[in-house]
Structure formats: structure tokens, C-alpha cells
PDB file of all heavy atoms in Angstrom:
ATOM      1  N   MET A   1       0.819  -1.213   0.000  1.00  0.00           N
ATOM      2  CA  MET A   1       0.000   0.000   0.000  1.00  0.00           C
ATOM      3  C   MET A   1       0.857   1.269   0.000  1.00  0.00           C
ATOM      4  O   MET A   1       0.672   2.178   0.800  1.00  0.00           O
ATOM      5  CB  MET A   1      -0.959  -0.005   1.202  1.00  0.00           C
ATOM      6  CG  MET A   1      -2.001  -1.080   1.126  1.00  0.00           C
ATOM      7  SD  MET A   1      -3.112  -1.109   2.543  1.00  0.00           S
ATOM      8  CE  MET A   1      -3.723   0.540   2.574  1.00  0.00           C
ATOM      9  N   ASN A   2       1.847   1.328  -0.859  1.00  0.00           N
ATOM     10  CA  ASN A   2       2.740   2.476  -1.024  1.00  0.00           C
ATOM     11  C   ASN A   2       3.601   2.767   0.199  1.00  0.00           C
ATOM     12  O   ASN A   2       4.139   3.856   0.344  1.00  0.00           O
ATOM     13  CB  ASN A   2       1.955   3.733  -1.415  1.00  0.00           C
ATOM     14  CG  ASN A   2       1.325   3.583  -2.774  1.00  0.00           C
ATOM     15  OD1 ASN A   2       1.870   2.927  -3.652  1.00  0.00           O
ATOM     16  ND2 ASN A   2       0.158   4.171  -2.952  1.00  0.00           N
ATOM     17  N   TYR A   3       3.712   1.834   1.105  1.00  0.00           N
ATOM     18  CA  TYR A   3       4.609   1.962   2.253  1.00  0.00           C
ATOM     19  C   TYR A   3       5.747   0.979   2.086  1.00  0.00           C
ATOM     20  O   TYR A   3       5.557  -0.126   1.604  1.00  0.00           O
ATOM     21  CB  TYR A   3       3.890   1.633   3.570  1.00  0.00           C
ATOM     22  CG  TYR A   3       2.793   2.588   3.926  1.00  0.00           C
ATOM     23  CD1 TYR A   3       1.467   2.222   3.812  1.00  0.00           C
ATOM     24  CD2 TYR A   3       3.087   3.864   4.399  1.00  0.00           C
ATOM     25  CE1 TYR A   3       0.454   3.098   4.162  1.00  0.00           C
ATOM     26  CE2 TYR A   3       2.077   4.745   4.746  1.00  0.00           C
ATOM     27  CZ  TYR A   3       0.769   4.345   4.621  1.00  0.00           C
ATOM     28  OH  TYR A   3      -0.222   5.216   4.965  1.00  0.00           O
ATOM     29  N   GLN A   4       6.924   1.374   2.472  1.00  0.00           N
ATOM     30  CA  GLN A   4       8.034   0.441   2.497  1.00  0.00           C
ATOM     31  C   GLN A   4       8.006  -0.242   3.856  1.00  0.00           C
ATOM     32  O   GLN A   4       8.204   0.401   4.884  1.00  0.00           O
ATOM     33  CB  GLN A   4       9.366   1.135   2.279  1.00  0.00           C
ATOM     34  CG  GLN A   4      10.515   0.156   2.231  1.00  0.00           C
ATOM     35  CD  GLN A   4      11.810   0.828   1.877  1.00  0.00           C
ATOM     36  OE1 GLN A   4      11.829   1.954   1.430  1.00  0.00           O
ATOM     37  NE2 GLN A   4      12.897   0.119   2.087  1.00  0.00           N
ATOM     38  N   SER A   5       7.737  -1.523   3.848  1.00  0.00           N
ATOM     39  CA  SER A   5       7.611  -2.287   5.077  1.00  0.00           C
ATOM     40  C   SER A   5       8.769  -3.245   5.198  1.00  0.00           C
ATOM     41  O   SER A   5       9.346  -3.661   4.211  1.00  0.00           O
ATOM     42  CB  SER A   5       6.304  -3.095   5.081  1.00  0.00           C
ATOM     43  OG  SER A   5       5.201  -2.253   4.926  1.00  0.00           O
ATOM     44  N   GLU A   6       9.083  -3.597   6.419  1.00  0.00           N
ATOM     45  CA  GLU A   6      10.091  -4.609   6.641  1.00  0.00           C
ATOM     46  C   GLU A   6       9.641  -5.514   7.776  1.00  0.00           C
ATOM     47  O   GLU A   6       9.025  -5.060   8.741  1.00  0.00           O
ATOM     48  CB  GLU A   6      11.453  -3.996   6.941  1.00  0.00           C
ATOM     49  CG  GLU A   6      11.487  -3.023   8.075  1.00  0.00           C
ATOM     50  CD  GLU A   6      12.833  -2.332   8.185  1.00  0.00           C
ATOM     51  OE1 GLU A   6      13.865  -2.963   7.908  1.00  0.00           O
ATOM     52  OE2 GLU A   6      12.844  -1.161   8.555  1.00  0.00           O
ATOM     53  N   ILE A   7       9.922  -6.774   7.632  1.00  0.00           N
ATOM     54  CA  ILE A   7       9.603  -7.750   8.652  1.00  0.00           C
ATOM     55  C   ILE A   7      10.719  -7.714   9.693  1.00  0.00           C
ATOM     56  O   ILE A   7      11.895  -7.766   9.340  1.00  0.00           O
ATOM     57  CB  ILE A   7       9.443  -9.154   8.041  1.00  0.00           C
ATOM     58  CG1 ILE A   7       8.240  -9.156   7.098  1.00  0.00           C
ATOM     59  CG2 ILE A   7       9.275 -10.202   9.137  1.00  0.00           C
ATOM     60  CD1 ILE A   7       8.089 -10.412   6.297  1.00  0.00           C
ATOM     61  N   VAL A   8      10.342  -7.601  10.960  1.00  0.00           N
ATOM     62  CA  VAL A   8      11.309  -7.511  12.041  1.00  0.00           C
ATOM     63  C   VAL A   8      11.013  -8.590  13.076  1.00  0.00           C
ATOM     64  O   VAL A   8       9.915  -9.128  13.137  1.00  0.00           O
ATOM     65  CB  VAL A   8      11.292  -6.119  12.708  1.00  0.00           C
ATOM     66  CG1 VAL A   8      11.763  -5.048  11.749  1.00  0.00           C
ATOM     67  CG2 VAL A   8       9.927  -5.784  13.241  1.00  0.00           C
ATOM     68  N   THR A   9      12.012  -8.892  13.879  1.00  0.00           N
ATOM     69  CA  THR A   9      11.851  -9.834  14.971  1.00  0.00           C
ATOM     70  C   THR A   9      11.819  -9.051  16.273  1.00  0.00           C
ATOM     71  O   THR A   9      12.734  -8.288  16.566  1.00  0.00           O
ATOM     72  CB  THR A   9      13.026 -10.838  14.999  1.00  0.00           C
ATOM     73  OG1 THR A   9      13.095 -11.485  13.733  1.00  0.00           O
ATOM     74  CG2 THR A   9      12.826 -11.856  16.089  1.00  0.00           C
ATOM     75  N   LEU A  10      10.731  -9.200  17.019  1.00  0.00           N
ATOM     76  CA  LEU A  10      10.596  -8.507  18.294  1.00  0.00           C
ATOM     77  C   LEU A  10      10.653  -9.523  19.424  1.00  0.00           C
ATOM     78  O   LEU A  10       9.932 -10.507  19.420  1.00  0.00           O
ATOM     79  CB  LEU A  10       9.272  -7.757  18.372  1.00  0.00           C
ATOM     80  CG  LEU A  10       9.073  -6.603  17.424  1.00  0.00           C
ATOM     81  CD1 LEU A  10       7.768  -5.883  17.731  1.00  0.00           C
ATOM     82  CD2 LEU A  10      10.214  -5.621  17.515  1.00  0.00           C
ATOM     83  N   HIS A  11      11.507  -9.261  20.369  1.00  0.00           N
ATOM     84  CA  HIS A  11      11.618 -10.086  21.564  1.00  0.00           C
ATOM     85  C   HIS A  11      11.222  -9.239  22.759  1.00  0.00           C
ATOM     86  O   HIS A  11      11.123  -8.011  22.670  1.00  0.00           O
ATOM     87  CB  HIS A  11      13.057 -10.590  21.735  1.00  0.00           C
ATOM     88  CG  HIS A  11      13.528 -11.449  20.617  1.00  0.00           C
ATOM     89  ND1 HIS A  11      13.078 -12.734  20.429  1.00  0.00           N
ATOM     90  CD2 HIS A  11      14.393 -11.215  19.610  1.00  0.00           C
ATOM     91  CE1 HIS A  11      13.651 -13.253  19.375  1.00  0.00           C
ATOM     92  NE2 HIS A  11      14.459 -12.341  18.841  1.00  0.00           N
ATOM     93  N   ASP A  12      11.042  -9.883  23.890  1.00  0.00           N
ATOM     94  CA  ASP A  12      10.725  -9.150  25.113  1.00  0.00           C
ATOM     95  C   ASP A  12      11.823  -8.158  25.468  1.00  0.00           C
ATOM     96  O   ASP A  12      11.551  -7.090  26.012  1.00  0.00           O
ATOM     97  CB  ASP A  12      10.502 -10.117  26.274  1.00  0.00           C
ATOM     98  CG  ASP A  12       9.186 -10.871  26.147  1.00  0.00           C
ATOM     99  OD1 ASP A  12       8.308 -10.400  25.393  1.00  0.00           O
ATOM    100  OD2 ASP A  12       9.036 -11.909  26.803  1.00  0.00           O
ATOM    101  N   THR A  13      13.063  -8.489  25.138  1.00  0.00           N
ATOM    102  CA  THR A  13      14.164  -7.573  25.435  1.00  0.00           C
ATOM    103  C   THR A  13      14.050  -6.289  24.613  1.00  0.00           C
ATOM    104  O   THR A  13      14.420  -5.218  25.090  1.00  0.00           O
ATOM    105  CB  THR A  13      15.531  -8.234  25.183  1.00  0.00           C
ATOM    106  OG1 THR A  13      15.567  -8.719  23.849  1.00  0.00           O
ATOM    107  CG2 THR A  13      15.784  -9.365  26.162  1.00  0.00           C
ATOM    108  N   PHE A  14      13.532  -6.381  23.389  1.00  0.00           N
ATOM    109  CA  PHE A  14      13.331  -5.181  22.575  1.00  0.00           C
ATOM    110  C   PHE A  14      12.324  -4.255  23.257  1.00  0.00           C
ATOM    111  O   PHE A  14      12.537  -3.043  23.346  1.00  0.00           O
ATOM    112  CB  PHE A  14      12.837  -5.543  21.169  1.00  0.00           C
ATOM    113  CG  PHE A  14      12.468  -4.336  20.336  1.00  0.00           C
ATOM    114  CD1 PHE A  14      13.438  -3.603  19.684  1.00  0.00           C
ATOM    115  CD2 PHE A  14      11.145  -3.929  20.230  1.00  0.00           C
ATOM    116  CE1 PHE A  14      13.109  -2.480  18.938  1.00  0.00           C
ATOM    117  CE2 PHE A  14      10.798  -2.816  19.488  1.00  0.00           C
ATOM    118  CZ  PHE A  14      11.783  -2.088  18.833  1.00  0.00           C
ATOM    119  N   ILE A  15      11.236  -4.815  23.751  1.00  0.00           N
ATOM    120  CA  ILE A  15      10.213  -4.008  24.411  1.00  0.00           C
ATOM    121  C   ILE A  15      10.772  -3.400  25.695  1.00  0.00           C
ATOM    122  O   ILE A  15      10.535  -2.230  25.989  1.00  0.00           O
ATOM    123  CB  ILE A  15       8.944  -4.840  24.668  1.00  0.00           C
ATOM    124  CG1 ILE A  15       8.334  -5.283  23.319  1.00  0.00           C
ATOM    125  CG2 ILE A  15       7.922  -4.047  25.477  1.00  0.00           C
ATOM    126  CD1 ILE A  15       7.207  -6.269  23.428  1.00  0.00           C
ATOM    127  N   ASP A  16      11.542  -4.182  26.454  1.00  0.00           N
ATOM    128  CA  ASP A  16      12.161  -3.650  27.672  1.00  0.00           C
ATOM    129  C   ASP A  16      13.109  -2.497  27.355  1.00  0.00           C
ATOM    130  O   ASP A  16      13.079  -1.454  28.014  1.00  0.00           O
ATOM    131  CB  ASP A  16      12.929  -4.746  28.411  1.00  0.00           C
ATOM    132  CG  ASP A  16      12.009  -5.754  29.073  1.00  0.00           C
ATOM    133  OD1 ASP A  16      10.808  -5.448  29.244  1.00  0.00           O
ATOM    134  OD2 ASP A  16      12.492  -6.858  29.406  1.00  0.00           O
ATOM    135  N   GLU A  17      13.944  -2.656  26.336  1.00  0.00           N
ATOM    136  CA  GLU A  17      14.874  -1.599  25.939  1.00  0.00           C
ATOM    137  C   GLU A  17      14.131  -0.375  25.408  1.00  0.00           C
ATOM    138  O   GLU A  17      14.550   0.764  25.625  1.00  0.00           O
ATOM    139  CB  GLU A  17      15.859  -2.121  24.905  1.00  0.00           C
ATOM    140  CG  GLU A  17      16.841  -3.128  25.464  1.00  0.00           C
ATOM    141  CD  GLU A  17      17.662  -3.833  24.396  1.00  0.00           C
ATOM    142  OE1 GLU A  17      17.470  -3.539  23.189  1.00  0.00           O
ATOM    143  OE2 GLU A  17      18.479  -4.687  24.769  1.00  0.00           O
ATOM    144  N   MET A  18      13.020  -0.606  24.718  1.00  0.00           N
ATOM    145  CA  MET A  18      12.207   0.484  24.199  1.00  0.00           C
ATOM    146  C   MET A  18      11.638   1.304  25.356  1.00  0.00           C
ATOM    147  O   MET A  18      11.704   2.536  25.343  1.00  0.00           O
ATOM    148  CB  MET A  18      11.081  -0.089  23.337  1.00  0.00           C
ATOM    149  CG  MET A  18      10.093   0.910  22.824  1.00  0.00           C
ATOM    150  SD  MET A  18       8.780   0.138  21.866  1.00  0.00           S
ATOM    151  CE  MET A  18       7.877  -0.733  23.132  1.00  0.00           C
ATOM    152  N   ILE A  19      11.117   0.645  26.374  1.00  0.00           N
ATOM    153  CA  ILE A  19      10.571   1.345  27.531  1.00  0.00           C
ATOM    154  C   ILE A  19      11.685   2.100  28.260  1.00  0.00           C
ATOM    155  O   ILE A  19      11.505   3.249  28.665  1.00  0.00           O
ATOM    156  CB  ILE A  19       9.851   0.372  28.479  1.00  0.00           C
ATOM    157  CG1 ILE A  19       8.664  -0.287  27.771  1.00  0.00           C
ATOM    158  CG2 ILE A  19       9.405   1.069  29.758  1.00  0.00           C
ATOM    159  CD1 ILE A  19       7.628   0.665  27.238  1.00  0.00           C
ATOM    160  N   ASP A  20      12.846   1.468  28.414  1.00  0.00           N
ATOM    161  CA  ASP A  20      13.983   2.146  29.045  1.00  0.00           C
ATOM    162  C   ASP A  20      14.355   3.424  28.295  1.00  0.00           C
ATOM    163  O   ASP A  20      14.598   4.468  28.895  1.00  0.00           O
ATOM    164  CB  ASP A  20      15.202   1.218  29.126  1.00  0.00           C
ATOM    165  CG  ASP A  20      15.047   0.138  30.171  1.00  0.00           C
ATOM    166  OD1 ASP A  20      14.288   0.347  31.144  1.00  0.00           O
ATOM    167  OD2 ASP A  20      15.690  -0.917  30.015  1.00  0.00           O
ATOM    168  N   SER A  21      14.393   3.337  26.961  1.00  0.00           N
ATOM    169  CA  SER A  21      14.780   4.511  26.175  1.00  0.00           C
ATOM    170  C   SER A  21      13.706   5.596  26.223  1.00  0.00           C
ATOM    171  O   SER A  21      14.020   6.778  26.234  1.00  0.00           O
ATOM    172  CB  SER A  21      15.107   4.128  24.734  1.00  0.00           C
ATOM    173  OG  SER A  21      13.935   3.750  24.043  1.00  0.00           O
ATOM    174  N   CYS A  22      12.441   5.215  26.270  1.00  0.00           N
ATOM    175  CA  CYS A  22      11.367   6.212  26.365  1.00  0.00           C
ATOM    176  C   CYS A  22      11.312   6.840  27.749  1.00  0.00           C
ATOM    177  O   CYS A  22      10.782   7.931  27.914  1.00  0.00           O
ATOM    178  CB  CYS A  22      10.022   5.573  26.038  1.00  0.00           C
ATOM    179  SG  CYS A  22       9.865   5.088  24.320  1.00  0.00           S
ATOM    180  N   TYR A  23      11.851   6.162  28.736  1.00  0.00           N
ATOM    181  CA  TYR A  23      11.854   6.684  30.096  1.00  0.00           C
ATOM    182  C   TYR A  23      13.041   7.619  30.341  1.00  0.00           C
ATOM    183  O   TYR A  23      12.930   8.596  31.068  1.00  0.00           O
ATOM    184  CB  TYR A  23      11.886   5.522  31.093  1.00  0.00           C
ATOM    185  CG  TYR A  23      11.561   5.909  32.506  1.00  0.00           C
ATOM    186  CD1 TYR A  23      10.233   6.080  32.903  1.00  0.00           C
ATOM    187  CD2 TYR A  23      12.560   6.106  33.438  1.00  0.00           C
ATOM    188  CE1 TYR A  23       9.921   6.445  34.199  1.00  0.00           C
ATOM    189  CE2 TYR A  23      12.261   6.476  34.736  1.00  0.00           C
ATOM    190  CZ  TYR A  23      10.942   6.642  35.115  1.00  0.00           C
ATOM    191  OH  TYR A  23      10.638   7.002  36.407  1.00  0.00           O
ATOM    192  N   THR A  24      14.166   7.318  29.703  1.00  0.00           N
ATOM    193  CA  THR A  24      15.380   8.086  29.990  1.00  0.00           C
ATOM    194  C   THR A  24      15.812   9.016  28.863  1.00  0.00           C
ATOM    195  O   THR A  24      16.576   9.947  29.102  1.00  0.00           O
ATOM    196  CB  THR A  24      16.550   7.127  30.298  1.00  0.00           C
ATOM    197  OG1 THR A  24      16.743   6.262  29.180  1.00  0.00           O
ATOM    198  CG2 THR A  24      16.272   6.311  31.534  1.00  0.00           C
ATOM    199  N   VAL A  25      15.379   8.773  27.646  1.00  0.00           N
ATOM    200  CA  VAL A  25      15.777   9.573  26.482  1.00  0.00           C
ATOM    201  C   VAL A  25      14.511  10.165  25.877  1.00  0.00           C
ATOM    202  O   VAL A  25      13.408   9.707  26.121  1.00  0.00           O
ATOM    203  CB  VAL A  25      16.514   8.677  25.449  1.00  0.00           C
ATOM    204  CG1 VAL A  25      16.995   9.495  24.269  1.00  0.00           C
ATOM    205  CG2 VAL A  25      17.669   7.946  26.096  1.00  0.00           C
ATOM    206  N   ASP A  26      14.654  11.173  25.073  1.00  0.00           N
ATOM    207  CA  ASP A  26      13.514  11.857  24.463  1.00  0.00           C
ATOM    208  C   ASP A  26      12.951  11.044  23.295  1.00  0.00           C
ATOM    209  O   ASP A  26      13.053  11.452  22.138  1.00  0.00           O
ATOM    210  CB  ASP A  26      13.944  13.255  24.014  1.00  0.00           C
ATOM    211  CG  ASP A  26      12.763  14.123  23.643  1.00  0.00           C
ATOM    212  OD1 ASP A  26      11.630  13.799  24.038  1.00  0.00           O
ATOM    213  OD2 ASP A  26      12.975  15.128  22.949  1.00  0.00           O
ATOM    214  N   LYS A  27      12.378   9.891  23.605  1.00  0.00           N
ATOM    215  CA  LYS A  27      11.695   9.045  22.612  1.00  0.00           C
ATOM    216  C   LYS A  27      10.293   8.765  23.125  1.00  0.00           C
ATOM    217  O   LYS A  27       9.957   9.099  24.249  1.00  0.00           O
ATOM    218  CB  LYS A  27      12.467   7.744  22.399  1.00  0.00           C
ATOM    219  CG  LYS A  27      13.809   7.969  21.740  1.00  0.00           C
ATOM    220  CD  LYS A  27      14.439   6.665  21.358  1.00  0.00           C
ATOM    221  CE  LYS A  27      15.765   6.934  20.653  1.00  0.00           C
ATOM    222  NZ  LYS A  27      16.334   5.729  20.106  1.00  0.00           N
ATOM    223  N   TYR A  28       9.464   8.142  22.312  1.00  0.00           N
ATOM    224  CA  TYR A  28       8.090   7.882  22.711  1.00  0.00           C
ATOM    225  C   TYR A  28       7.618   6.522  22.217  1.00  0.00           C
ATOM    226  O   TYR A  28       8.153   5.972  21.258  1.00  0.00           O
ATOM    227  CB  TYR A  28       7.150   8.968  22.171  1.00  0.00           C
ATOM    228  CG  TYR A  28       6.979   8.897  20.672  1.00  0.00           C
ATOM    229  CD1 TYR A  28       5.930   8.176  20.112  1.00  0.00           C
ATOM    230  CD2 TYR A  28       7.862   9.532  19.816  1.00  0.00           C
ATOM    231  CE1 TYR A  28       5.780   8.091  18.742  1.00  0.00           C
ATOM    232  CE2 TYR A  28       7.717   9.464  18.449  1.00  0.00           C
ATOM    233  CZ  TYR A  28       6.672   8.739  17.918  1.00  0.00           C
ATOM    234  OH  TYR A  28       6.528   8.641  16.563  1.00  0.00           O
ATOM    235  N   VAL A  29       6.607   5.994  22.883  1.00  0.00           N
ATOM    236  CA  VAL A  29       5.889   4.808  22.439  1.00  0.00           C
ATOM    237  C   VAL A  29       4.407   5.062  22.701  1.00  0.00           C
ATOM    238  O   VAL A  29       4.029   5.640  23.719  1.00  0.00           O
ATOM    239  CB  VAL A  29       6.377   3.512  23.144  1.00  0.00           C
ATOM    240  CG1 VAL A  29       6.193   3.583  24.637  1.00  0.00           C
ATOM    241  CG2 VAL A  29       5.680   2.287  22.565  1.00  0.00           C
ATOM    242  N   ILE A  30       3.581   4.675  21.741  1.00  0.00           N
ATOM    243  CA  ILE A  30       2.131   4.810  21.856  1.00  0.00           C
ATOM    244  C   ILE A  30       1.508   3.476  21.469  1.00  0.00           C
ATOM    245  O   ILE A  30       1.866   2.891  20.437  1.00  0.00           O
ATOM    246  CB  ILE A  30       1.568   5.896  20.920  1.00  0.00           C
ATOM    247  CG1 ILE A  30       2.193   7.244  21.210  1.00  0.00           C
ATOM    248  CG2 ILE A  30       0.049   5.976  21.042  1.00  0.00           C
ATOM    249  CD1 ILE A  30       1.798   8.325  20.222  1.00  0.00           C
ATOM    250  N   VAL A  31       0.569   3.007  22.288  1.00  0.00           N
ATOM    251  CA  VAL A  31      -0.220   1.821  21.953  1.00  0.00           C
ATOM    252  C   VAL A  31      -1.665   2.279  21.883  1.00  0.00           C
ATOM    253  O   VAL A  31      -2.171   2.904  22.811  1.00  0.00           O
ATOM    254  CB  VAL A  31      -0.067   0.705  23.004  1.00  0.00           C
ATOM    255  CG1 VAL A  31      -0.905  -0.508  22.614  1.00  0.00           C
ATOM    256  CG2 VAL A  31       1.386   0.313  23.173  1.00  0.00           C
ATOM    257  N   ARG A  32      -2.333   1.972  20.769  1.00  0.00           N
ATOM    258  CA  ARG A  32      -3.730   2.370  20.581  1.00  0.00           C
ATOM    259  C   ARG A  32      -4.589   1.125  20.409  1.00  0.00           C
ATOM    260  O   ARG A  32      -4.155   0.157  19.806  1.00  0.00           O
ATOM    261  CB  ARG A  32      -3.877   3.235  19.331  1.00  0.00           C
ATOM    262  CG  ARG A  32      -3.176   4.551  19.381  1.00  0.00           C
ATOM    263  CD  ARG A  32      -3.379   5.312  18.069  1.00  0.00           C
ATOM    264  NE  ARG A  32      -2.734   6.594  18.101  1.00  0.00           N
ATOM    265  CZ  ARG A  32      -1.497   6.814  17.658  1.00  0.00           C
ATOM    266  NH1 ARG A  32      -0.783   5.832  17.162  1.00  0.00           N
ATOM    267  NH2 ARG A  32      -0.973   8.021  17.717  1.00  0.00           N
ATOM    268  N   ASN A  33      -5.835   1.197  20.895  1.00  0.00           N
ATOM    269  CA  ASN A  33      -6.763   0.130  20.563  1.00  0.00           C
ATOM    270  C   ASN A  33      -7.516   0.551  19.310  1.00  0.00           C
ATOM    271  O   ASN A  33      -7.197   1.562  18.683  1.00  0.00           O
ATOM    272  CB  ASN A  33      -7.680  -0.197  21.743  1.00  0.00           C
ATOM    273  CG  ASN A  33      -8.737   0.874  21.984  1.00  0.00           C
ATOM    274  OD1 ASN A  33      -8.756   1.912  21.339  1.00  0.00           O
ATOM    275  ND2 ASN A  33      -9.602   0.622  22.939  1.00  0.00           N
ATOM    276  N   THR A  34      -8.514  -0.179  18.928  1.00  0.00           N
ATOM    277  CA  THR A  34      -9.231   0.148  17.695  1.00  0.00           C
ATOM    278  C   THR A  34     -10.196   1.309  17.888  1.00  0.00           C
ATOM    279  O   THR A  34     -10.707   1.838  16.921  1.00  0.00           O
ATOM    280  CB  THR A  34     -10.007  -1.081  17.174  1.00  0.00           C
ATOM    281  OG1 THR A  34     -10.846  -1.547  18.240  1.00  0.00           O
ATOM    282  CG2 THR A  34      -9.059  -2.175  16.741  1.00  0.00           C
ATOM    283  N   GLY A  35     -10.438   1.705  19.125  1.00  0.00           N
ATOM    284  CA  GLY A  35     -11.310   2.840  19.407  1.00  0.00           C
ATOM    285  C   GLY A  35     -10.502   4.079  19.681  1.00  0.00           C
ATOM    286  O   GLY A  35      -9.492   4.362  19.036  1.00  0.00           O
ATOM    287  N   ARG A  36     -10.913   4.811  20.692  1.00  0.00           N
ATOM    288  CA  ARG A  36     -10.239   6.068  20.998  1.00  0.00           C
ATOM    289  C   ARG A  36      -9.307   5.982  22.198  1.00  0.00           C
ATOM    290  O   ARG A  36      -8.806   6.999  22.663  1.00  0.00           O
ATOM    291  CB  ARG A  36     -11.268   7.163  21.220  1.00  0.00           C
ATOM    292  CG  ARG A  36     -12.150   6.925  22.417  1.00  0.00           C
ATOM    293  CD  ARG A  36     -13.138   8.038  22.585  1.00  0.00           C
ATOM    294  NE  ARG A  36     -13.983   7.737  23.743  1.00  0.00           N
ATOM    295  CZ  ARG A  36     -15.032   8.391  24.054  1.00  0.00           C
ATOM    296  NH1 ARG A  36     -15.419   9.396  23.301  1.00  0.00           N
ATOM    297  NH2 ARG A  36     -15.744   8.065  25.097  1.00  0.00           N
ATOM    298  N   CYS A  37      -9.082   4.806  22.715  1.00  0.00           N
ATOM    299  CA  CYS A  37      -8.214   4.637  23.884  1.00  0.00           C
ATOM    300  C   CYS A  37      -6.764   4.438  23.460  1.00  0.00           C
ATOM    301  O   CYS A  37      -6.495   3.837  22.433  1.00  0.00           O
ATOM    302  CB  CYS A  37      -8.675   3.451  24.716  1.00  0.00           C
ATOM    303  SG  CYS A  37     -10.338   3.643  25.338  1.00  0.00           S
ATOM    304  N   TRP A  38      -5.844   4.966  24.254  1.00  0.00           N
ATOM    305  CA  TRP A  38      -4.417   4.832  23.962  1.00  0.00           C
ATOM    306  C   TRP A  38      -3.616   4.989  25.247  1.00  0.00           C
ATOM    307  O   TRP A  38      -4.115   5.477  26.258  1.00  0.00           O
ATOM    308  CB  TRP A  38      -3.963   5.863  22.923  1.00  0.00           C
ATOM    309  CG  TRP A  38      -4.372   7.271  23.206  1.00  0.00           C
ATOM    310  CD1 TRP A  38      -5.467   7.922  22.720  1.00  0.00           C
ATOM    311  CD2 TRP A  38      -3.705   8.211  24.059  1.00  0.00           C
ATOM    312  NE1 TRP A  38      -5.518   9.205  23.209  1.00  0.00           N
ATOM    313  CE2 TRP A  38      -4.448   9.408  24.041  1.00  0.00           C
ATOM    314  CE3 TRP A  38      -2.555   8.168  24.835  1.00  0.00           C
ATOM    315  CZ2 TRP A  38      -4.077  10.530  24.759  1.00  0.00           C
ATOM    316  CZ3 TRP A  38      -2.185   9.292  25.563  1.00  0.00           C
ATOM    317  CH2 TRP A  38      -2.943  10.453  25.508  1.00  0.00           C
ATOM    318  N   ALA A  39      -2.363   4.576  25.188  1.00  0.00           N
ATOM    319  CA  ALA A  39      -1.400   4.777  26.272  1.00  0.00           C
ATOM    320  C   ALA A  39      -0.108   5.260  25.643  1.00  0.00           C
ATOM    321  O   ALA A  39       0.303   4.766  24.592  1.00  0.00           O
ATOM    322  CB  ALA A  39      -1.166   3.478  27.035  1.00  0.00           C
ATOM    323  N   LYS A  40       0.540   6.231  26.289  1.00  0.00           N
ATOM    324  CA  LYS A  40       1.745   6.838  25.719  1.00  0.00           C
ATOM    325  C   LYS A  40       2.786   7.031  26.818  1.00  0.00           C
ATOM    326  O   LYS A  40       2.460   7.424  27.940  1.00  0.00           O
ATOM    327  CB  LYS A  40       1.389   8.184  25.100  1.00  0.00           C
ATOM    328  CG  LYS A  40       2.576   8.982  24.597  1.00  0.00           C
ATOM    329  CD  LYS A  40       2.145  10.280  23.962  1.00  0.00           C
ATOM    330  CE  LYS A  40       1.541  11.217  24.983  1.00  0.00           C
ATOM    331  NZ  LYS A  40       1.161  12.516  24.420  1.00  0.00           N
ATOM    332  N   LEU A  41       4.031   6.747  26.487  1.00  0.00           N
ATOM    333  CA  LEU A  41       5.151   7.057  27.353  1.00  0.00           C
ATOM    334  C   LEU A  41       6.105   7.923  26.559  1.00  0.00           C
ATOM    335  O   LEU A  41       6.545   7.543  25.476  1.00  0.00           O
ATOM    336  CB  LEU A  41       5.863   5.783  27.819  1.00  0.00           C
ATOM    337  CG  LEU A  41       7.127   5.989  28.654  1.00  0.00           C
ATOM    338  CD1 LEU A  41       6.806   6.718  29.955  1.00  0.00           C
ATOM    339  CD2 LEU A  41       7.796   4.661  28.933  1.00  0.00           C
ATOM    340  N   HIS A  42       6.378   9.117  27.089  1.00  0.00           N
ATOM    341  CA  HIS A  42       7.289  10.035  26.417  1.00  0.00           C
ATOM    342  C   HIS A  42       8.119  10.740  27.472  1.00  0.00           C
ATOM    343  O   HIS A  42       7.606  11.573  28.228  1.00  0.00           O
ATOM    344  CB  HIS A  42       6.503  11.046  25.578  1.00  0.00           C
ATOM    345  CG  HIS A  42       7.371  12.050  24.919  1.00  0.00           C
ATOM    346  ND1 HIS A  42       7.180  13.399  25.055  1.00  0.00           N
ATOM    347  CD2 HIS A  42       8.462  11.923  24.128  1.00  0.00           C
ATOM    348  CE1 HIS A  42       8.093  14.050  24.373  1.00  0.00           C
ATOM    349  NE2 HIS A  42       8.889  13.175  23.808  1.00  0.00           N
ATOM    350  N   TYR A  43       9.361  10.402  27.553  1.00  0.00           N
ATOM    351  CA  TYR A  43      10.332  11.010  28.459  1.00  0.00           C
ATOM    352  C   TYR A  43       9.799  11.106  29.890  1.00  0.00           C
ATOM    353  O   TYR A  43       9.609  12.180  30.429  1.00  0.00           O
ATOM    354  CB  TYR A  43      10.770  12.374  27.930  1.00  0.00           C
ATOM    355  CG  TYR A  43      12.088  12.833  28.514  1.00  0.00           C
ATOM    356  CD1 TYR A  43      13.225  12.042  28.414  1.00  0.00           C
ATOM    357  CD2 TYR A  43      12.185  14.037  29.172  1.00  0.00           C
ATOM    358  CE1 TYR A  43      14.423  12.447  28.950  1.00  0.00           C
ATOM    359  CE2 TYR A  43      13.388  14.457  29.709  1.00  0.00           C
ATOM    360  CZ  TYR A  43      14.507  13.654  29.607  1.00  0.00           C
ATOM    361  OH  TYR A  43      15.680  14.049  30.141  1.00  0.00           O
ATOM    362  N   ARG A  44       9.526   9.942  30.453  1.00  0.00           N
ATOM    363  CA  ARG A  44       9.049   9.742  31.835  1.00  0.00           C
ATOM    364  C   ARG A  44       7.613  10.137  32.069  1.00  0.00           C
ATOM    365  O   ARG A  44       7.099  10.005  33.169  1.00  0.00           O
ATOM    366  CB  ARG A  44       9.926  10.480  32.842  1.00  0.00           C
ATOM    367  CG  ARG A  44      11.296   9.952  32.920  1.00  0.00           C
ATOM    368  CD  ARG A  44      12.050  10.586  34.057  1.00  0.00           C
ATOM    369  NE  ARG A  44      13.394  10.014  34.074  1.00  0.00           N
ATOM    370  CZ  ARG A  44      14.440  10.619  34.544  1.00  0.00           C
ATOM    371  NH1 ARG A  44      14.323  11.803  35.066  1.00  0.00           N
ATOM    372  NH2 ARG A  44      15.610  10.029  34.506  1.00  0.00           N
ATOM    373  N   LYS A  45       6.917  10.652  31.072  1.00  0.00           N
ATOM    374  CA  LYS A  45       5.523  11.033  31.250  1.00  0.00           C
ATOM    375  C   LYS A  45       4.629   9.932  30.692  1.00  0.00           C
ATOM    376  O   LYS A  45       4.617   9.686  29.483  1.00  0.00           O
ATOM    377  CB  LYS A  45       5.237  12.362  30.549  1.00  0.00           C
ATOM    378  CG  LYS A  45       5.897  13.543  31.234  1.00  0.00           C
ATOM    379  CD  LYS A  45       5.780  14.824  30.451  1.00  0.00           C
ATOM    380  CE  LYS A  45       4.369  15.209  30.170  1.00  0.00           C
ATOM    381  NZ  LYS A  45       4.270  16.474  29.423  1.00  0.00           N
TER     382      LYS A  45
END
């Protein structure tokens, strides 16, 4: 669909490192459901 996609391997360690980086560095993670609910972590917030 006009996007360049790549297949990646995600392990629990990737998610742990992602949370660590969003907590200590200026990065973010957002998880959305199919409705209007979401959760976001951005630099300790």
C-alpha cells in the first residue's frame, strides 16, 4: 500500500529496551486500541 515495510523480529528484550529509552531519552511509544483509547510514554511522562 505504497509503504516500504520490513519484517522484524521482536523479543521481550526489545520491548524492555524500548521502555527504558522512552523513560530516559527523548523518545516515545504509543499503543492504541481500535477505538479512541491509547497509552503513551514520552520522556518519563
